[in-house]
C-alpha cells in the first residue's frame, strides 16, 4: 500500500533491480533489458524500462554493476530516470554455502508535466465544468524537476540447491516533493513527501525431477 517503485511481473529477470546482492551473480559479463507497458489500451498507462550490465571479478570476490531505469506514468505526465551503481561482495561460508552482501547508490531525476491535467475542483456531479482550477499545480507556471540520491542494500544466501535474499531500498527515505518549503507552509495538513523504505524477501528452491 506504500510502494512507490515500479514492479516487473518477471522479477527474476531483473535481478539487480530486485536485490543489489545479485550483482555479478552470473559469474560472467551480463546484459539485461526489461520493458513493461501496463494498460496500453487506455490513456493512463505505465511504461517502465530498465537496462543493466554487471560483471564478476573473481580476484576480488566482488560483483559490480550499472543500472538505468526509466519510468513514465500516465500520458508522460510524471517521469523519472534513475542511474544506479551496484557493488556486491561474496563470502564463502564453507564448501557448499555462500553469502553475498550488496550495496546500491542511485541518482534520480523526476519531472512533472502538468499541462493538460484536470483537477478535482473542476468537477461536479454533472462532470467536468471547464472552469479554471484553484489548485496550486494548475497555477504554478513551471514545475522544476527534482533530483535526489538514494541508497539501498541487500543480502543473499545461496548454495547449489536453494537461495534466500533480503533487500532494503530507499534506506535514507529521500524527499520527492515538487513543492518548496514556502509553498508547503501555506497548504493545510501537508506532510513532506518521502519515499518509504521497501523491504523485499525472496527465495528459490531447486527440485530435481
Protein backbone atom coordinates (compact mmCIF):
# COMPACT_ATOMS: atom_id res chain seq x y z
CA UNK A 1 0.00 0.00 0.00
CA UNK A 2 3.00 2.33 0.41
CA UNK A 3 5.04 1.14 -2.59
CA UNK A 4 6.37 3.77 -5.00
CA UNK A 5 8.65 1.62 -7.17
CA UNK A 6 7.72 0.12 -10.49
CA UNK A 7 7.43 -3.67 -10.40
CA UNK A 8 8.16 -6.21 -13.12
CA UNK A 9 5.97 -9.31 -13.38
CA UNK A 10 9.03 -11.42 -14.19
CA UNK A 11 11.01 -10.03 -11.26
CA UNK A 12 13.61 -12.78 -11.56
CA UNK A 13 14.54 -11.33 -14.98
CA UNK A 14 15.63 -8.08 -13.29
CA UNK A 15 17.90 -9.44 -10.52
CA UNK A 16 19.82 -6.27 -9.60
CA UNK A 17 16.57 -4.27 -9.54
CA UNK A 18 15.28 -6.81 -7.03
CA UNK A 19 18.38 -7.02 -4.84
CA UNK A 20 21.82 -5.36 -5.24
CA UNK A 21 23.47 -8.52 -3.89
CA UNK A 22 22.78 -10.14 -7.29
CA UNK A 23 25.49 -8.01 -8.94
CA UNK A 24 27.97 -10.38 -10.57
CA UNK A 25 25.91 -13.46 -9.67
CA UNK A 26 26.19 -14.81 -13.24
CA UNK A 27 30.00 -15.07 -12.80
CA UNK A 28 30.37 -13.61 -16.31
CA UNK A 29 29.59 -10.35 -18.11
CA UNK A 30 25.80 -9.97 -18.30
CA UNK A 31 23.47 -7.54 -20.09
CA UNK A 32 19.77 -7.38 -19.20
CA UNK A 33 16.96 -5.30 -20.71
CA UNK A 34 13.45 -5.14 -19.24
CA UNK A 35 10.31 -3.43 -20.57
CA UNK A 36 6.83 -3.13 -19.09
CA UNK A 37 3.77 -1.39 -20.59
CA UNK A 38 0.80 -1.63 -18.27
CA UNK A 39 -2.70 -0.88 -19.63
CA UNK A 40 -1.54 0.12 -23.14
CA UNK A 41 -5.11 0.42 -24.45
CA UNK A 42 -6.02 3.39 -22.23
CA UNK A 43 -4.52 6.84 -21.97
CA UNK A 44 -3.22 6.31 -18.43
CA UNK A 45 -0.66 3.59 -18.92
CA UNK A 46 2.56 3.00 -17.01
CA UNK A 47 5.68 2.40 -19.11
CA UNK A 48 8.87 1.22 -17.42
CA UNK A 49 12.15 0.18 -18.99
CA UNK A 50 15.37 -0.94 -17.34
CA UNK A 51 18.84 -1.73 -18.60
CA UNK A 52 21.63 -3.24 -16.54
CA UNK A 53 25.13 -4.58 -17.02
CA UNK A 54 27.15 -6.43 -14.37
CA UNK A 55 30.33 -8.48 -14.07
CA UNK A 56 32.01 -10.71 -11.51
CA UNK A 57 35.62 -10.03 -10.53
CA UNK A 58 36.93 -13.36 -9.24
CA UNK A 59 40.20 -11.86 -7.98
CA UNK A 60 38.30 -9.59 -5.58
CA UNK A 61 35.32 -11.90 -4.85
CA UNK A 62 33.20 -8.97 -5.99
CA UNK A 63 30.49 -8.12 -8.44
CA UNK A 64 29.95 -4.66 -9.93
CA UNK A 65 27.04 -3.37 -11.94
CA UNK A 66 25.40 -0.36 -13.55
CA UNK A 67 21.64 0.03 -13.96
CA UNK A 68 19.40 2.61 -15.64
CA UNK A 69 15.63 2.68 -15.01
CA UNK A 70 13.17 4.97 -16.80
CA UNK A 71 9.54 5.22 -15.68
CA UNK A 72 6.66 7.17 -17.21
CA UNK A 73 3.25 7.39 -15.52
CA UNK A 74 0.11 8.48 -17.29
CA UNK A 75 0.48 10.03 -20.78
CA UNK A 76 4.04 11.12 -20.00
CA UNK A 77 2.99 13.34 -17.10
CA UNK A 78 5.22 12.02 -14.33
CA UNK A 79 8.64 10.82 -15.48
CA UNK A 80 11.66 9.58 -13.59
CA UNK A 81 15.12 8.39 -14.58
CA UNK A 82 17.41 6.52 -12.19
CA UNK A 83 21.11 5.76 -12.59
CA UNK A 84 22.49 3.23 -10.11
CA UNK A 85 25.93 1.91 -9.28
CA UNK A 86 25.88 -1.52 -7.60
CA UNK A 87 28.57 -3.47 -5.70
CA UNK A 88 28.38 -6.92 -4.12
CA UNK A 89 30.95 -8.87 -2.11
CA UNK A 90 30.86 -12.66 -1.93
CA UNK A 91 31.84 -14.65 1.17
CA UNK A 92 32.32 -18.43 1.05
CA UNK A 93 30.98 -19.80 4.33
CA UNK A 94 32.02 -23.39 3.65
CA UNK A 95 32.37 -25.74 0.70
CA UNK A 96 28.68 -25.51 -0.25
CA UNK A 97 27.30 -22.26 1.14
CA UNK A 98 27.91 -18.67 0.07
CA UNK A 99 26.81 -15.25 1.33
CA UNK A 100 26.65 -12.11 -0.80
CA UNK A 101 26.31 -8.58 0.58
CA UNK A 102 25.35 -5.79 -1.82
CA UNK A 103 25.07 -2.01 -1.79
CA UNK A 104 23.50 0.37 -4.28
CA UNK A 105 23.71 4.14 -4.76
CA UNK A 106 21.15 5.79 -7.06
CA UNK A 107 20.91 9.24 -8.59
CA UNK A 108 17.33 10.09 -9.60
CA UNK A 109 15.72 12.82 -11.69
CA UNK A 110 11.94 13.27 -11.55
CA UNK A 111 9.84 15.69 -13.60
CA UNK A 112 6.15 16.57 -13.78
CA UNK A 113 4.40 17.72 -16.96
CA UNK A 114 1.29 19.47 -15.62
CA UNK A 115 -0.07 20.84 -18.92
CA UNK A 116 -3.38 19.22 -19.84
CA UNK A 117 -4.11 17.98 -16.33
CA UNK A 118 -7.52 18.49 -14.74
CA UNK A 119 -8.10 18.83 -11.01
CA UNK A 120 -10.75 17.83 -8.51
CA UNK A 121 -12.26 21.30 -8.11
CA UNK A 122 -13.07 21.34 -11.86
CA UNK A 123 -15.58 18.51 -11.47
CA UNK A 124 -19.10 18.33 -10.06
CA UNK A 125 -21.71 15.57 -10.04
CA UNK A 126 -22.54 16.63 -13.59
CA UNK A 127 -18.95 16.13 -14.76
CA UNK A 128 -16.19 18.48 -15.95
CA UNK A 129 -17.10 22.16 -15.57
CA UNK A 130 -14.30 23.69 -17.65
CA UNK A 131 -13.77 26.39 -15.02
CA UNK A 132 -10.18 27.31 -14.04
CA UNK A 133 -8.79 25.36 -11.11
CA UNK A 134 -7.53 26.96 -7.92
CA UNK A 135 -5.14 24.08 -7.30
CA UNK A 136 -1.53 25.15 -6.75
CA UNK A 137 -0.18 22.99 -9.57
CA UNK A 138 -2.67 24.43 -12.06
CA UNK A 139 -1.31 27.94 -11.41
CA UNK A 140 2.32 27.22 -10.67
CA UNK A 141 3.62 28.05 -14.13
CA UNK A 142 6.66 25.80 -14.37
CA UNK A 143 7.27 22.82 -12.10
CA UNK A 144 11.01 22.43 -11.63
CA UNK A 145 12.35 18.86 -11.91
CA UNK A 146 13.79 17.43 -8.72
CA UNK A 147 16.92 15.33 -8.17
CA UNK A 148 17.88 13.22 -5.20
CA UNK A 149 20.31 10.49 -4.11
CA UNK A 150 19.05 7.17 -2.83
CA UNK A 151 20.75 4.21 -1.11
CA UNK A 152 19.81 0.53 -0.91
CA UNK A 153 21.34 -2.68 0.42
CA UNK A 154 20.77 -6.40 0.39
CA UNK A 155 22.00 -9.83 1.34
CA UNK A 156 21.84 -13.17 -0.47
CA UNK A 157 22.49 -16.66 0.94
CA UNK A 158 22.74 -19.49 -1.56
CA UNK A 159 24.08 -22.92 -2.42
CA UNK A 160 23.55 -25.38 -5.24
CA UNK A 161 20.04 -26.26 -4.00
CA UNK A 162 18.45 -23.03 -2.75
CA UNK A 163 18.77 -19.29 -2.28
CA UNK A 164 17.27 -16.68 0.05
CA UNK A 165 17.58 -12.94 -0.38
CA UNK A 166 16.61 -9.86 1.65
CA UNK A 167 16.89 -6.27 0.43
CA UNK A 168 16.03 -2.83 1.77
CA UNK A 169 15.53 0.02 -0.71
CA UNK A 170 15.34 3.78 0.00
CA UNK A 171 17.26 3.50 3.27
CA UNK A 172 17.64 7.28 3.52
CA UNK A 173 13.98 7.91 2.52
CA UNK A 174 14.68 10.78 0.09
CA UNK A 175 12.26 13.68 -0.26
CA UNK A 176 10.42 13.69 -3.59
CA UNK A 177 8.16 16.74 -3.26
CA UNK A 178 7.92 19.23 -6.13
CA UNK A 179 6.85 21.91 -3.63
CA UNK A 180 9.35 24.16 -1.87
CA UNK A 181 9.23 24.92 1.86
CA UNK A 182 7.42 28.23 1.38
CA UNK A 183 4.62 26.58 -0.55
CA UNK A 184 4.38 23.71 1.92
CA UNK A 185 3.75 26.11 4.79
CA UNK A 186 0.64 27.53 3.03
CA UNK A 187 -1.03 24.16 2.39
CA UNK A 188 -3.14 22.85 5.32
CA UNK A 189 -2.38 19.36 6.62
CA UNK A 190 0.53 18.95 4.19
CA UNK A 191 3.14 16.36 5.10
CA UNK A 192 6.55 16.10 3.48
CA UNK A 193 6.59 13.58 0.62
CA UNK A 194 9.33 10.98 1.06
CA UNK A 195 9.89 7.57 -0.48
CA UNK A 196 9.14 4.96 2.21
CA UNK A 197 11.60 2.15 2.78
CA UNK A 198 10.82 -1.03 0.89
CA UNK A 199 11.64 -4.45 2.35
CA UNK A 200 11.79 -7.37 -0.10
CA UNK A 201 12.23 -11.04 0.76
CA UNK A 202 12.62 -13.63 -1.99
CA UNK A 203 13.88 -17.16 -2.35
CA UNK A 204 14.08 -20.20 -4.56
CA UNK A 205 14.49 -23.95 -4.31
CA UNK A 206 15.77 -26.40 -6.93
CA UNK A 207 13.85 -29.68 -7.02
CA UNK A 208 15.46 -32.40 -9.19
CA UNK A 209 12.94 -34.38 -11.28
